[in-house]
Amino acid sequence: ADPRVGGRLALWARRLMGEALSQSQRVVADRDALSTMLVGGVADGFDLAEVGKMFSRITEAHTKRMAALGLAA
């Protein structure tokens, strides 16, 4: 990343990540059927451990993208 804007880009990306996690949490809390689909369930309801794994996958992918761009996650 361009050193002149790297800090601002990293901050912006972290804010986007925070918003993505926040919205994901709202979906999990408000939409059981959608939550079940997102975590790969087939029955009504969902496993909170699977939700945690989904958030971990989102965070890990973000960290890898940031590293590839030379930005601090």
PDB file of N, CA and C in Angstrom:
ATOM      1  N   ALA A   1       0.844  -1.191   0.000  1.00  0.00           N
ATOM      2  CA  ALA A   1       0.000   0.000   0.000  1.00  0.00           C
ATOM      3  C   ALA A   1       0.878   1.239   0.000  1.00  0.00           C
ATOM      4  N   ASP A   2       0.372   2.278  -0.555  1.00  0.00           N
ATOM      5  CA  ASP A   2       1.074   3.558  -0.578  1.00  0.00           C
ATOM      6  C   ASP A   2       1.239   4.041   0.857  1.00  0.00           C
ATOM      7  N   PRO A   3       2.488   4.271   1.300  1.00  0.00           N
ATOM      8  CA  PRO A   3       2.710   4.687   2.693  1.00  0.00           C
ATOM      9  C   PRO A   3       1.979   5.982   3.070  1.00  0.00           C
ATOM     10  N   ARG A   4       1.701   6.821   2.081  1.00  0.00           N
ATOM     11  CA  ARG A   4       1.023   8.090   2.375  1.00  0.00           C
ATOM     12  C   ARG A   4      -0.432   7.887   2.778  1.00  0.00           C
ATOM     13  N   VAL A   5      -1.033   6.805   2.311  1.00  0.00           N
ATOM     14  CA  VAL A   5      -2.448   6.581   2.613  1.00  0.00           C
ATOM     15  C   VAL A   5      -2.700   5.251   3.326  1.00  0.00           C
ATOM     16  N   GLY A   6      -1.649   4.496   3.590  1.00  0.00           N
ATOM     17  CA  GLY A   6      -1.794   3.177   4.210  1.00  0.00           C
ATOM     18  C   GLY A   6      -2.543   3.202   5.526  1.00  0.00           C
ATOM     19  N   GLY A   7      -2.229   4.165   6.368  1.00  0.00           N
ATOM     20  CA  GLY A   7      -2.896   4.257   7.668  1.00  0.00           C
ATOM     21  C   GLY A   7      -4.387   4.507   7.536  1.00  0.00           C
ATOM     22  N   ARG A   8      -4.744   5.405   6.632  1.00  0.00           N
ATOM     23  CA  ARG A   8      -6.170   5.705   6.433  1.00  0.00           C
ATOM     24  C   ARG A   8      -6.908   4.521   5.817  1.00  0.00           C
ATOM     25  N   LEU A   9      -6.238   3.847   4.862  1.00  0.00           N
ATOM     26  CA  LEU A   9      -6.859   2.668   4.260  1.00  0.00           C
ATOM     27  C   LEU A   9      -7.064   1.564   5.290  1.00  0.00           C
ATOM     28  N   ALA A  10      -6.068   1.360   6.138  1.00  0.00           N
ATOM     29  CA  ALA A  10      -6.179   0.328   7.176  1.00  0.00           C
ATOM     30  C   ALA A  10      -7.311   0.660   8.142  1.00  0.00           C
ATOM     31  N   LEU A  11      -7.414   1.916   8.539  1.00  0.00           N
ATOM     32  CA  LEU A  11      -8.486   2.329   9.443  1.00  0.00           C
ATOM     33  C   LEU A  11      -9.851   2.114   8.799  1.00  0.00           C
ATOM     34  N   TRP A  12      -9.972   2.517   7.546  1.00  0.00           N
ATOM     35  CA  TRP A  12     -11.235   2.351   6.827  1.00  0.00           C
ATOM     36  C   TRP A  12     -11.603   0.876   6.729  1.00  0.00           C
ATOM     37  N   ALA A  13     -10.627   0.025   6.406  1.00  0.00           N
ATOM     38  CA  ALA A  13     -10.889  -1.413   6.290  1.00  0.00           C
ATOM     39  C   ALA A  13     -11.303  -2.010   7.633  1.00  0.00           C
ATOM     40  N   ARG A  14     -10.688  -1.553   8.714  1.00  0.00           N
ATOM     41  CA  ARG A  14     -11.076  -2.062  10.039  1.00  0.00           C
ATOM     42  C   ARG A  14     -12.494  -1.626  10.388  1.00  0.00           C
ATOM     43  N   ARG A  15     -12.861  -0.417  10.002  1.00  0.00           N
ATOM     44  CA  ARG A  15     -14.226   0.047  10.259  1.00  0.00           C
ATOM     45  C   ARG A  15     -15.238  -0.770   9.457  1.00  0.00           C
ATOM     46  N   LEU A  16     -14.903  -1.070   8.198  1.00  0.00           N
ATOM     47  CA  LEU A  16     -15.781  -1.911   7.381  1.00  0.00           C
ATOM     48  C   LEU A  16     -15.931  -3.298   7.990  1.00  0.00           C
ATOM     49  N   MET A  17     -14.835  -3.835   8.477  1.00  0.00           N
ATOM     50  CA  MET A  17     -14.871  -5.155   9.106  1.00  0.00           C
ATOM     51  C   MET A  17     -15.760  -5.126  10.348  1.00  0.00           C
ATOM     52  N   GLY A  18     -15.623  -4.103  11.145  1.00  0.00           N
ATOM     53  CA  GLY A  18     -16.465  -3.958  12.334  1.00  0.00           C
ATOM     54  C   GLY A  18     -17.935  -3.873  11.967  1.00  0.00           C
ATOM     55  N   GLU A  19     -18.240  -3.146  10.910  1.00  0.00           N
ATOM     56  CA  GLU A  19     -19.630  -3.027  10.459  1.00  0.00           C
ATOM     57  C   GLU A  19     -20.146  -4.371   9.949  1.00  0.00           C
ATOM     58  N   ALA A  20     -19.316  -5.100   9.223  1.00  0.00           N
ATOM     59  CA  ALA A  20     -19.721  -6.420   8.720  1.00  0.00           C
ATOM     60  C   ALA A  20     -20.035  -7.364   9.876  1.00  0.00           C
ATOM     61  N   LEU A  21     -19.190  -7.363  10.889  1.00  0.00           N
ATOM     62  CA  LEU A  21     -19.438  -8.226  12.046  1.00  0.00           C
ATOM     63  C   LEU A  21     -20.688  -7.788  12.801  1.00  0.00           C
ATOM     64  N   SER A  22     -20.875  -6.489  12.933  1.00  0.00           N
ATOM     65  CA  SER A  22     -22.049  -5.967  13.623  1.00  0.00           C
ATOM     66  C   SER A  22     -23.336  -6.370  12.901  1.00  0.00           C
ATOM     67  N   GLN A  23     -23.356  -6.215  11.584  1.00  0.00           N
ATOM     68  CA  GLN A  23     -24.544  -6.581  10.812  1.00  0.00           C
ATOM     69  C   GLN A  23     -24.778  -8.090  10.844  1.00  0.00           C
ATOM     70  N   SER A  24     -23.698  -8.856  10.814  1.00  0.00           N
ATOM     71  CA  SER A  24     -23.819 -10.317  10.906  1.00  0.00           C
ATOM     72  C   SER A  24     -24.446 -10.716  12.232  1.00  0.00           C
ATOM     73  N   GLN A  25     -24.044 -10.058  13.293  1.00  0.00           N
ATOM     74  CA  GLN A  25     -24.612 -10.353  14.611  1.00  0.00           C
ATOM     75  C   GLN A  25     -26.100 -10.036  14.643  1.00  0.00           C
ATOM     76  N   ARG A  26     -26.492  -8.946  13.984  1.00  0.00           N
ATOM     77  CA  ARG A  26     -27.915  -8.596  13.932  1.00  0.00           C
ATOM     78  C   ARG A  26     -28.710  -9.650  13.177  1.00  0.00           C
ATOM     79  N   VAL A  27     -28.153 -10.134  12.065  1.00  0.00           N
ATOM     80  CA  VAL A  27     -28.829 -11.181  11.295  1.00  0.00           C
ATOM     81  C   VAL A  27     -29.013 -12.424  12.150  1.00  0.00           C
ATOM     82  N   VAL A  28     -27.952 -12.820  12.847  1.00  0.00           N
ATOM     83  CA  VAL A  28     -28.019 -14.011  13.698  1.00  0.00           C
ATOM     84  C   VAL A  28     -29.094 -13.846  14.770  1.00  0.00           C
ATOM     85  N   ALA A  29     -29.178 -12.657  15.344  1.00  0.00           N
ATOM     86  CA  ALA A  29     -30.141 -12.416  16.420  1.00  0.00           C
ATOM     87  C   ALA A  29     -31.582 -12.329  15.912  1.00  0.00           C
ATOM     88  N   ASP A  30     -31.768 -11.799  14.700  1.00  0.00           N
ATOM     89  CA  ASP A  30     -33.114 -11.504  14.216  1.00  0.00           C
ATOM     90  C   ASP A  30     -33.690 -12.502  13.213  1.00  0.00           C
ATOM     91  N   ARG A  31     -32.849 -13.248  12.535  1.00  0.00           N
ATOM     92  CA  ARG A  31     -33.312 -14.090  11.419  1.00  0.00           C
ATOM     93  C   ARG A  31     -32.828 -15.531  11.566  1.00  0.00           C
ATOM     94  N   ASP A  32     -33.574 -16.329  12.293  1.00  0.00           N
ATOM     95  CA  ASP A  32     -33.177 -17.718  12.543  1.00  0.00           C
ATOM     96  C   ASP A  32     -32.952 -18.515  11.260  1.00  0.00           C
ATOM     97  N   ALA A  33     -33.882 -18.418  10.317  1.00  0.00           N
ATOM     98  CA  ALA A  33     -33.774 -19.220   9.094  1.00  0.00           C
ATOM     99  C   ALA A  33     -32.542 -18.830   8.284  1.00  0.00           C
ATOM    100  N   LEU A  34     -32.303 -17.543   8.153  1.00  0.00           N
ATOM    101  CA  LEU A  34     -31.132 -17.079   7.409  1.00  0.00           C
ATOM    102  C   LEU A  34     -29.851 -17.469   8.129  1.00  0.00           C
ATOM    103  N   SER A  35     -29.856 -17.367   9.433  1.00  0.00           N
ATOM    104  CA  SER A  35     -28.685 -17.758  10.222  1.00  0.00           C
ATOM    105  C   SER A  35     -28.370 -19.231  10.031  1.00  0.00           C
ATOM    106  N   THR A  36     -29.401 -20.056  10.043  1.00  0.00           N
ATOM    107  CA  THR A  36     -29.214 -21.491   9.840  1.00  0.00           C
ATOM    108  C   THR A  36     -28.601 -21.756   8.471  1.00  0.00           C
ATOM    109  N   MET A  37     -29.081 -21.052   7.454  1.00  0.00           N
ATOM    110  CA  MET A  37     -28.541 -21.227   6.114  1.00  0.00           C
ATOM    111  C   MET A  37     -27.075 -20.786   6.046  1.00  0.00           C
ATOM    112  N   LEU A  38     -26.752 -19.662   6.653  1.00  0.00           N
ATOM    113  CA  LEU A  38     -25.392 -19.127   6.592  1.00  0.00           C
ATOM    114  C   LEU A  38     -24.367 -20.032   7.253  1.00  0.00           C
ATOM    115  N   VAL A  39     -24.743 -20.680   8.326  1.00  0.00           N
ATOM    116  CA  VAL A  39     -23.781 -21.533   9.032  1.00  0.00           C
ATOM    117  C   VAL A  39     -23.847 -22.975   8.551  1.00  0.00           C
ATOM    118  N   GLY A  40     -24.684 -23.250   7.554  1.00  0.00           N
ATOM    119  CA  GLY A  40     -24.720 -24.577   6.967  1.00  0.00           C
ATOM    120  C   GLY A  40     -25.650 -25.556   7.636  1.00  0.00           C
ATOM    121  N   GLY A  41     -26.572 -25.063   8.434  1.00  0.00           N
ATOM    122  CA  GLY A  41     -27.519 -25.957   9.099  1.00  0.00           C
ATOM    123  C   GLY A  41     -28.637 -26.374   8.166  1.00  0.00           C
ATOM    124  N   VAL A  42     -29.355 -27.387   8.561  1.00  0.00           N
ATOM    125  CA  VAL A  42     -30.481 -27.851   7.755  1.00  0.00           C
ATOM    126  C   VAL A  42     -31.789 -27.839   8.533  1.00  0.00           C
ATOM    127  N   ALA A  43     -31.705 -27.781   9.834  1.00  0.00           N
ATOM    128  CA  ALA A  43     -32.910 -27.782  10.666  1.00  0.00           C
ATOM    129  C   ALA A  43     -33.146 -26.385  11.219  1.00  0.00           C
ATOM    130  N   ASP A  44     -34.334 -26.201  11.800  1.00  0.00           N
ATOM    131  CA  ASP A  44     -34.616 -24.916  12.439  1.00  0.00           C
ATOM    132  C   ASP A  44     -33.638 -24.692  13.575  1.00  0.00           C
ATOM    133  N   GLY A  45     -33.270 -23.467  13.771  1.00  0.00           N
ATOM    134  CA  GLY A  45     -32.305 -23.128  14.810  1.00  0.00           C
ATOM    135  C   GLY A  45     -30.889 -23.269  14.285  1.00  0.00           C
ATOM    136  N   PHE A  46     -29.935 -22.915  15.112  1.00  0.00           N
ATOM    137  CA  PHE A  46     -28.544 -22.968  14.699  1.00  0.00           C
ATOM    138  C   PHE A  46     -27.674 -23.142  15.918  1.00  0.00           C
ATOM    139  N   ASP A  47     -26.464 -23.515  15.676  1.00  0.00           N
ATOM    140  CA  ASP A  47     -25.495 -23.778  16.722  1.00  0.00           C
ATOM    141  C   ASP A  47     -24.633 -22.526  16.913  1.00  0.00           C
ATOM    142  N   LEU A  48     -24.594 -21.999  18.120  1.00  0.00           N
ATOM    143  CA  LEU A  48     -23.794 -20.797  18.373  1.00  0.00           C
ATOM    144  C   LEU A  48     -22.319 -21.031  18.100  1.00  0.00           C
ATOM    145  N   ALA A  49     -21.838 -22.246  18.289  1.00  0.00           N
ATOM    146  CA  ALA A  49     -20.435 -22.549  17.975  1.00  0.00           C
ATOM    147  C   ALA A  49     -20.181 -22.360  16.482  1.00  0.00           C
ATOM    148  N   GLU A  50     -21.141 -22.745  15.659  1.00  0.00           N
ATOM    149  CA  GLU A  50     -20.997 -22.569  14.208  1.00  0.00           C
ATOM    150  C   GLU A  50     -21.019 -21.094  13.835  1.00  0.00           C
ATOM    151  N   VAL A  51     -21.820 -20.318  14.522  1.00  0.00           N
ATOM    152  CA  VAL A  51     -21.844 -18.874  14.289  1.00  0.00           C
ATOM    153  C   VAL A  51     -20.476 -18.289  14.621  1.00  0.00           C
ATOM    154  N   GLY A  52     -19.897 -18.707  15.736  1.00  0.00           N
ATOM    155  CA  GLY A  52     -18.562 -18.249  16.108  1.00  0.00           C
ATOM    156  C   GLY A  52     -17.529 -18.616  15.063  1.00  0.00           C
ATOM    157  N   LYS A  53     -17.640 -19.825  14.505  1.00  0.00           N
ATOM    158  CA  LYS A  53     -16.714 -20.248  13.445  1.00  0.00           C
ATOM    159  C   LYS A  53     -16.877 -19.380  12.203  1.00  0.00           C
ATOM    160  N   MET A  54     -18.128 -19.016  11.888  1.00  0.00           N
ATOM    161  CA  MET A  54     -18.371 -18.157  10.736  1.00  0.00           C
ATOM    162  C   MET A  54     -17.701 -16.801  10.939  1.00  0.00           C
ATOM    163  N   PHE A  55     -17.846 -16.227  12.130  1.00  0.00           N
ATOM    164  CA  PHE A  55     -17.202 -14.948  12.414  1.00  0.00           C
ATOM    165  C   PHE A  55     -15.687 -15.075  12.337  1.00  0.00           C
ATOM    166  N   SER A  56     -15.159 -16.192  12.781  1.00  0.00           N
ATOM    167  CA  SER A  56     -13.710 -16.425  12.700  1.00  0.00           C
ATOM    168  C   SER A  56     -13.253 -16.494  11.250  1.00  0.00           C
ATOM    169  N   ARG A  57     -14.033 -17.164  10.399  1.00  0.00           N
ATOM    170  CA  ARG A  57     -13.671 -17.247   8.976  1.00  0.00           C
ATOM    171  C   ARG A  57     -13.691 -15.865   8.333  1.00  0.00           C
ATOM    172  N   ILE A  58     -14.686 -15.068   8.667  1.00  0.00           N
ATOM    173  CA  ILE A  58     -14.767 -13.710   8.123  1.00  0.00           C
ATOM    174  C   ILE A  58     -13.543 -12.910   8.556  1.00  0.00           C
ATOM    175  N   THR A  59     -13.192 -12.993   9.829  1.00  0.00           N
ATOM    176  CA  THR A  59     -12.057 -12.245  10.369  1.00  0.00           C
ATOM    177  C   THR A  59     -10.743 -12.723   9.766  1.00  0.00           C
ATOM    178  N   GLU A  60     -10.569 -14.026   9.633  1.00  0.00           N
ATOM    179  CA  GLU A  60      -9.335 -14.564   9.051  1.00  0.00           C
ATOM    180  C   GLU A  60      -9.165 -14.122   7.601  1.00  0.00           C
ATOM    181  N   ALA A  61     -10.239 -14.151   6.832  1.00  0.00           N
ATOM    182  CA  ALA A  61     -10.172 -13.716   5.438  1.00  0.00           C
ATOM    183  C   ALA A  61      -9.815 -12.236   5.357  1.00  0.00           C
ATOM    184  N   HIS A  62     -10.385 -11.438   6.233  1.00  0.00           N
ATOM    185  CA  HIS A  62     -10.073 -10.010   6.281  1.00  0.00           C
ATOM    186  C   HIS A  62      -8.592  -9.802   6.587  1.00  0.00           C
ATOM    187  N   THR A  63      -8.078 -10.519   7.567  1.00  0.00           N
ATOM    188  CA  THR A  63      -6.677 -10.384   7.957  1.00  0.00           C
ATOM    189  C   THR A  63      -5.759 -10.756   6.799  1.00  0.00           C
ATOM    190  N   LYS A  64      -6.089 -11.807   6.067  1.00  0.00           N
ATOM    191  CA  LYS A  64      -5.274 -12.219   4.914  1.00  0.00           C
ATOM    192  C   LYS A  64      -5.303 -11.165   3.814  1.00  0.00           C
ATOM    193  N   ARG A  65      -6.483 -10.617   3.543  1.00  0.00           N
ATOM    194  CA  ARG A  65      -6.580  -9.571   2.517  1.00  0.00           C
ATOM    195  C   ARG A  65      -5.765  -8.352   2.908  1.00  0.00           C
ATOM    196  N   MET A  66      -5.862  -7.974   4.164  1.00  0.00           N
ATOM    197  CA  MET A  66      -5.109  -6.809   4.642  1.00  0.00           C
ATOM    198  C   MET A  66      -3.609  -7.054   4.521  1.00  0.00           C
ATOM    199  N   ALA A  67      -3.148  -8.239   4.902  1.00  0.00           N
ATOM    200  CA  ALA A  67      -1.723  -8.566   4.812  1.00  0.00           C
ATOM    201  C   ALA A  67      -1.258  -8.544   3.358  1.00  0.00           C
ATOM    202  N   ALA A  68      -2.083  -9.058   2.454  1.00  0.00           N
ATOM    203  CA  ALA A  68      -1.725  -9.066   1.034  1.00  0.00           C
ATOM    204  C   ALA A  68      -1.566  -7.650   0.491  1.00  0.00           C
ATOM    205  N   LEU A  69      -2.292  -6.723   1.072  1.00  0.00           N
ATOM    206  CA  LEU A  69      -2.203  -5.320   0.659  1.00  0.00           C
ATOM    207  C   LEU A  69      -1.132  -4.546   1.423  1.00  0.00           C
ATOM    208  N   GLY A  70      -0.525  -5.199   2.395  1.00  0.00           N
ATOM    209  CA  GLY A  70       0.489  -4.528   3.199  1.00  0.00           C
ATOM    210  C   GLY A  70      -0.096  -3.588   4.237  1.00  0.00           C
ATOM    211  N   LEU A  71      -1.315  -3.875   4.673  1.00  0.00           N
ATOM    212  CA  LEU A  71      -1.991  -3.030   5.656  1.00  0.00           C
ATOM    213  C   LEU A  71      -2.136  -3.777   6.972  1.00  0.00           C
ATOM    214  N   ALA A  72      -2.175  -3.035   8.057  1.00  0.00           N
ATOM    215  CA  ALA A  72      -2.356  -3.630   9.384  1.00  0.00           C
ATOM    216  C   ALA A  72      -3.831  -3.925   9.605  1.00  0.00           C
ATOM    217  N   ALA A  73      -4.122  -5.151  10.003  1.00  0.00           N
ATOM    218  CA  ALA A  73      -5.505  -5.523  10.281  1.00  0.00           C
ATOM    219  C   ALA A  73      -5.818  -5.146  11.700  1.00  0.00           C
TER     220      ALA A  73
END
